[in-house]
């Protein structure tokens, strides 16, 4: 799908999800064929002509100014991550840019040192496509203890999006699996907007859409979510129930570290300590 096509699909989906009453649009008691806003209603809220907005949504307009995009984002009640995604989708494509396979992502020395320093804290390093590039022993034990610890060094590394949607162990790990799944899809959607020329990322989306009806349905929803901080109840097969806060530590466009913590003195903190005792002590593994 072209950039203009992705922009139009995003606008159309989000317009359909915004109820007139939430946008302050009176309905005068009329019966509506669809629950969302009409094109002309959204155009009026954004202060643009209905014909221009229609061309934009249908992919017939090649560009939109930042001011128009901000007006549309406000009218659609987008959050900051969604607003940035809208701008990324509308960014004109460079004539020299073409879909290509990106260079392999690697763990920097600084990131490796931070991973080594996180003693007693489950931590994994994820690339932008959610490939697991490295993990410490406790991160492996919490998130994927059923996999080989050294799998991150293999040509086909584990991928957290694939695990969440296609792996029964990971699906059972989250008490509220739909919440975790939507966060994964929202983050992938964000990455796809930022890296439209990443062939491997688009192949991952295609594979997941074909193999998982849940993923296909969530992807079609066009929700965008920056995975910064989220609280999840987990049901670990070794130590049982625990509630952790998963945080993404990122600096720049490179790989990020995801850590899981629990308040000191809480039952979940004690459970993490038990898991640390049960997990084999391993050094951090960084593929060459």
Protein backbone atom coordinates (compact mmCIF):
# COMPACT_ATOMS: atom_id res chain seq x y z
CA UNK A 1 0.00 0.00 0.00
CA UNK A 2 1.31 3.48 -0.88
CA UNK A 3 1.95 6.23 1.68
CA UNK A 4 -1.20 8.06 0.57
CA UNK A 5 -3.16 4.82 0.82
CA UNK A 6 -1.95 4.19 4.36
CA UNK A 7 -2.78 7.77 5.34
CA UNK A 8 -6.27 7.47 3.88
CA UNK A 9 -6.92 4.13 5.60
CA UNK A 10 -5.81 5.56 8.94
CA UNK A 11 -8.03 8.63 8.59
CA UNK A 12 -11.04 6.60 7.48
CA UNK A 13 -10.71 4.09 10.32
CA UNK A 14 -10.26 6.71 13.01
CA UNK A 15 -13.15 8.79 11.65
CA UNK A 16 -15.39 5.74 11.87
CA UNK A 17 -14.32 5.17 15.48
CA UNK A 18 -15.19 8.70 16.67
CA UNK A 19 -18.82 9.04 17.74
CA UNK A 20 -20.61 12.30 16.91
CA UNK A 21 -21.53 12.89 20.56
CA UNK A 22 -17.89 12.56 21.60
CA UNK A 23 -16.90 15.16 19.01
CA UNK A 24 -19.69 17.56 19.96
CA UNK A 25 -21.55 17.07 16.67
CA UNK A 26 -25.36 17.31 17.09
CA UNK A 27 -27.41 14.60 15.42
CA UNK A 28 -30.83 16.31 15.66
CA UNK A 29 -32.40 12.92 16.31
CA UNK A 30 -31.61 11.66 12.83
CA UNK A 31 -30.83 8.03 12.17
CA UNK A 32 -27.26 7.50 11.00
CA UNK A 33 -26.17 4.66 8.73
CA UNK A 34 -22.76 4.44 10.43
CA UNK A 35 -21.80 5.23 14.04
CA UNK A 36 -18.78 7.41 13.22
CA UNK A 37 -18.43 10.90 11.83
CA UNK A 38 -19.25 11.73 8.24
CA UNK A 39 -16.47 13.12 6.06
CA UNK A 40 -18.06 16.55 5.90
CA UNK A 41 -18.44 16.63 9.68
CA UNK A 42 -14.77 15.85 10.26
CA UNK A 43 -13.74 18.36 7.59
CA UNK A 44 -15.81 21.06 9.33
CA UNK A 45 -14.23 20.26 12.71
CA UNK A 46 -10.75 20.44 11.17
CA UNK A 47 -11.46 23.63 9.25
CA UNK A 48 -10.78 22.20 5.78
CA UNK A 49 -13.05 21.81 2.79
CA UNK A 50 -15.03 18.61 2.47
CA UNK A 51 -13.72 18.02 -1.05
CA UNK A 52 -10.08 18.39 0.08
CA UNK A 53 -10.57 16.01 2.99
CA UNK A 54 -12.27 13.49 0.70
CA UNK A 55 -9.31 13.57 -1.68
CA UNK A 56 -6.96 13.11 1.26
CA UNK A 57 -8.87 10.12 2.59
CA UNK A 58 -9.15 8.54 -0.86
CA UNK A 59 -5.41 8.90 -1.46
CA UNK A 60 -5.78 11.42 -4.28
CA UNK A 61 -3.89 14.23 -2.55
CA UNK A 62 -0.13 13.77 -2.41
CA UNK A 63 0.60 16.00 0.57
CA UNK A 64 -0.91 17.85 3.49
CA UNK A 65 0.63 20.68 5.47
CA UNK A 66 1.64 20.15 9.12
CA UNK A 67 -1.07 22.66 10.09
CA UNK A 68 -3.78 20.64 8.34
CA UNK A 69 -2.49 17.41 9.88
CA UNK A 70 -2.54 18.96 13.35
CA UNK A 71 -6.08 20.20 12.77
CA UNK A 72 -7.17 16.71 11.69
CA UNK A 73 -5.42 15.15 14.67
CA UNK A 74 -7.24 17.51 17.03
CA UNK A 75 -10.58 16.84 15.36
CA UNK A 76 -9.99 13.09 15.59
CA UNK A 77 -8.91 13.44 19.25
CA UNK A 78 -5.61 11.65 18.63
CA UNK A 79 -3.07 11.30 21.42
CA UNK A 80 0.55 12.37 20.92
CA UNK A 81 1.73 9.00 19.56
CA UNK A 82 -1.18 8.89 17.10
CA UNK A 83 -0.53 12.49 16.06
CA UNK A 84 3.11 11.70 15.29
CA UNK A 85 1.99 8.60 13.39
CA UNK A 86 -0.35 10.74 11.28
CA UNK A 87 2.51 13.06 10.39
CA UNK A 88 4.75 10.09 9.54
CA UNK A 89 2.13 8.64 7.19
CA UNK A 90 1.75 11.97 5.41
CA UNK A 91 5.48 12.49 4.95
CA UNK A 92 6.24 12.70 1.21
CA UNK A 93 8.11 9.66 -0.09
CA UNK A 94 11.62 10.35 -1.34
CA UNK A 95 12.03 9.42 -4.97
CA UNK A 96 15.26 7.65 -4.08
CA UNK A 97 13.69 5.72 -1.24
CA UNK A 98 12.55 2.22 -1.99
CA UNK A 99 11.62 -0.83 0.03
CA UNK A 100 14.77 -2.59 1.08
CA UNK A 101 16.12 -5.02 3.59
CA UNK A 102 17.62 -3.16 6.53
CA UNK A 103 21.02 -3.91 8.04
CA UNK A 104 20.85 -6.39 10.93
CA UNK A 105 20.14 -4.73 14.26
CA UNK A 106 22.86 -5.16 16.87
CA UNK A 107 23.22 -4.55 20.58
CA UNK A 108 25.59 -1.67 21.25
CA UNK A 109 28.32 -1.96 23.85
CA UNK A 110 26.55 0.62 26.03
CA UNK A 111 23.26 -1.30 25.86
CA UNK A 112 25.09 -4.53 26.68
CA UNK A 113 26.68 -2.92 29.72
CA UNK A 114 23.29 -1.71 30.92
CA UNK A 115 21.84 -5.19 30.46
CA UNK A 116 24.68 -6.66 32.51
CA UNK A 117 24.07 -4.11 35.26
CA UNK A 118 20.40 -5.02 35.64
CA UNK A 119 20.98 -7.71 38.23
CA UNK A 120 17.74 -9.07 39.67
CA UNK A 121 15.63 -7.24 37.06
CA UNK A 122 14.11 -9.13 34.11
CA UNK A 123 15.33 -7.39 30.96
CA UNK A 124 15.29 -8.06 27.23
CA UNK A 125 16.61 -6.04 24.30
CA UNK A 126 14.15 -5.62 21.42
CA UNK A 127 14.68 -4.35 17.89
CA UNK A 128 12.09 -2.20 16.14
CA UNK A 129 10.39 -5.30 14.68
CA UNK A 130 10.24 -6.78 18.23
CA UNK A 131 13.08 -9.25 17.51
CA UNK A 132 14.76 -10.35 20.75
CA UNK A 133 18.38 -9.26 20.33
CA UNK A 134 19.52 -10.15 23.86
CA UNK A 135 18.23 -10.89 27.34
CA UNK A 136 19.55 -11.48 30.80
CA UNK A 137 18.87 -14.72 32.67
CA UNK A 138 15.86 -13.39 34.57
CA UNK A 139 14.40 -11.76 31.47
CA UNK A 140 14.62 -15.07 29.65
CA UNK A 141 13.07 -16.91 32.61
CA UNK A 142 10.15 -14.49 32.90
CA UNK A 143 9.28 -13.88 29.25
CA UNK A 144 10.38 -17.02 27.43
CA UNK A 145 11.72 -19.66 29.78
CA UNK A 146 10.35 -22.38 27.49
CA UNK A 147 12.81 -21.34 24.77
CA UNK A 148 16.53 -22.04 24.53
CA UNK A 149 18.43 -19.26 26.30
CA UNK A 150 20.91 -19.09 23.41
CA UNK A 151 18.19 -18.69 20.78
CA UNK A 152 19.03 -14.98 20.52
CA UNK A 153 22.29 -15.96 18.81
CA UNK A 154 20.57 -18.05 16.15
CA UNK A 155 19.82 -16.81 12.62
CA UNK A 156 16.10 -16.87 13.45
CA UNK A 157 15.85 -14.99 16.72
CA UNK A 158 12.67 -15.11 18.80
CA UNK A 159 10.25 -12.35 17.94
CA UNK A 160 7.98 -11.08 20.71
CA UNK A 161 5.12 -10.24 18.34
CA UNK A 162 5.19 -13.78 16.97
CA UNK A 163 5.37 -15.21 20.47
CA UNK A 164 2.40 -13.16 21.70
CA UNK A 165 0.17 -14.20 18.78
CA UNK A 166 1.45 -17.62 17.76
CA UNK A 167 2.96 -19.19 20.88
CA UNK A 168 0.60 -20.89 23.35
CA UNK A 169 3.00 -20.46 26.30
CA UNK A 170 3.24 -16.68 25.82
CA UNK A 171 -0.50 -16.35 25.29
CA UNK A 172 -1.14 -18.09 28.62
CA UNK A 173 1.49 -15.96 30.33
CA UNK A 174 -0.70 -12.83 30.28
CA UNK A 175 -3.94 -12.85 32.27
CA UNK A 176 -5.29 -10.05 30.07
CA UNK A 177 -3.89 -11.30 26.78
CA UNK A 178 -5.95 -8.93 24.57
CA UNK A 179 -4.42 -5.90 26.32
CA UNK A 180 -0.90 -7.19 25.69
CA UNK A 181 -1.74 -8.14 22.11
CA UNK A 182 -3.20 -4.70 21.33
CA UNK A 183 -0.08 -3.04 22.75
CA UNK A 184 2.13 -5.18 20.51
CA UNK A 185 0.05 -4.37 17.42
CA UNK A 186 -0.06 -0.68 18.28
CA UNK A 187 3.71 -0.54 18.59
CA UNK A 188 4.23 -2.41 15.31
CA UNK A 189 1.83 -0.01 13.60
CA UNK A 190 3.90 2.88 14.97
CA UNK A 191 7.13 1.33 13.68
CA UNK A 192 5.58 0.65 10.26
CA UNK A 193 4.70 4.32 9.96
CA UNK A 194 8.21 5.39 10.91
CA UNK A 195 9.93 2.83 8.66
CA UNK A 196 7.75 2.42 5.55
CA UNK A 197 10.73 1.09 3.56
CA UNK A 198 11.53 -1.77 5.95
CA UNK A 199 10.82 -4.92 3.93
CA UNK A 200 11.31 -7.32 6.85
CA UNK A 201 8.83 -5.37 8.98
CA UNK A 202 6.16 -5.57 6.28
CA UNK A 203 6.86 -9.28 5.82
CA UNK A 204 6.35 -9.80 9.56
CA UNK A 205 3.01 -8.00 9.44
CA UNK A 206 1.95 -10.07 6.44
CA UNK A 207 2.93 -13.32 8.11
CA UNK A 208 1.10 -12.49 11.33
CA UNK A 209 -1.98 -11.34 9.43
CA UNK A 210 -2.08 -14.65 7.54
CA UNK A 211 -1.48 -16.88 10.57
CA UNK A 212 -3.44 -15.08 13.28
CA UNK A 213 -7.03 -13.85 12.80
CA UNK A 214 -6.64 -11.93 16.07
CA UNK A 215 -3.67 -10.03 14.69
CA UNK A 216 -5.41 -9.37 11.38
CA UNK A 217 -8.43 -7.93 13.18
CA UNK A 218 -6.34 -5.73 15.49
CA UNK A 219 -4.12 -4.54 12.62
CA UNK A 220 -7.18 -3.48 10.63
CA UNK A 221 -8.23 -1.31 13.57
CA UNK A 222 -5.30 1.09 12.87
CA UNK A 223 -4.68 1.70 16.56
CA UNK A 224 -1.29 3.18 17.42
CA UNK A 225 0.37 2.72 20.79
CA UNK A 226 3.81 3.63 22.05
CA UNK A 227 4.87 0.84 24.42
CA UNK A 228 6.39 3.00 27.15
CA UNK A 229 4.89 1.75 30.43
CA UNK A 230 2.16 -0.82 31.12
CA UNK A 231 1.08 -2.98 34.04
CA UNK A 232 0.38 -6.66 33.37
CA UNK A 233 -0.76 -9.58 35.47
CA UNK A 234 1.30 -12.61 34.51
CA UNK A 235 0.69 -16.29 35.25
CA UNK A 236 4.12 -17.87 35.27
CA UNK A 237 4.24 -21.68 35.09
CA UNK A 238 7.06 -21.88 37.69
CA UNK A 239 6.19 -19.24 40.30
CA UNK A 240 2.54 -18.47 39.67
CA UNK A 241 0.77 -15.13 39.60
CA UNK A 242 2.61 -11.81 39.68
CA UNK A 243 1.89 -8.25 38.60
CA UNK A 244 4.71 -6.35 36.93
CA UNK A 245 5.25 -2.98 35.36
CA UNK A 246 6.85 -3.35 31.95
CA UNK A 247 8.85 -0.29 30.90
CA UNK A 248 10.62 0.40 27.63
CA UNK A 249 13.95 2.19 27.99
CA UNK A 250 14.96 3.72 24.69
CA UNK A 251 17.48 6.34 23.59
CA UNK A 252 17.28 7.20 19.92
CA UNK A 253 16.18 5.04 17.00
CA UNK A 254 18.13 1.90 17.98
CA UNK A 255 17.11 -1.17 19.99
CA UNK A 256 15.35 -0.65 23.32
CA UNK A 257 15.48 -2.44 26.66
CA UNK A 258 12.24 -3.73 28.18
CA UNK A 259 12.35 -4.30 31.94
CA UNK A 260 9.79 -5.73 34.36
CA UNK A 261 9.60 -4.47 37.93
CA UNK A 262 7.38 -4.80 40.98
CA UNK A 263 7.13 -2.56 44.08
CA UNK A 264 9.64 -3.44 46.80
CA UNK A 265 8.03 -5.55 49.51
CA UNK A 266 5.07 -6.53 47.35
CA UNK A 267 4.06 -10.19 46.78
CA UNK A 268 5.07 -9.82 43.12
CA UNK A 269 8.53 -8.57 44.14
CA UNK A 270 8.92 -11.69 46.27
CA UNK A 271 7.75 -13.83 43.35
CA UNK A 272 10.36 -12.27 41.07
CA UNK A 273 13.01 -13.05 43.69
CA UNK A 274 11.85 -16.68 43.72
CA UNK A 275 12.09 -16.82 39.95
CA UNK A 276 15.60 -15.40 40.13
CA UNK A 277 16.58 -18.24 42.48
CA UNK A 278 15.00 -20.84 40.20
CA UNK A 279 16.48 -19.47 36.98
CA UNK A 280 20.00 -20.64 36.03
CA UNK A 281 22.58 -17.91 36.45
CA UNK A 282 23.73 -16.90 33.00
CA UNK A 283 25.76 -14.05 31.59
CA UNK A 284 24.21 -11.66 29.14
CA UNK A 285 24.26 -13.10 25.62
CA UNK A 286 24.92 -10.71 22.74
CA UNK A 287 24.99 -12.09 19.20
CA UNK A 288 27.97 -11.13 17.09
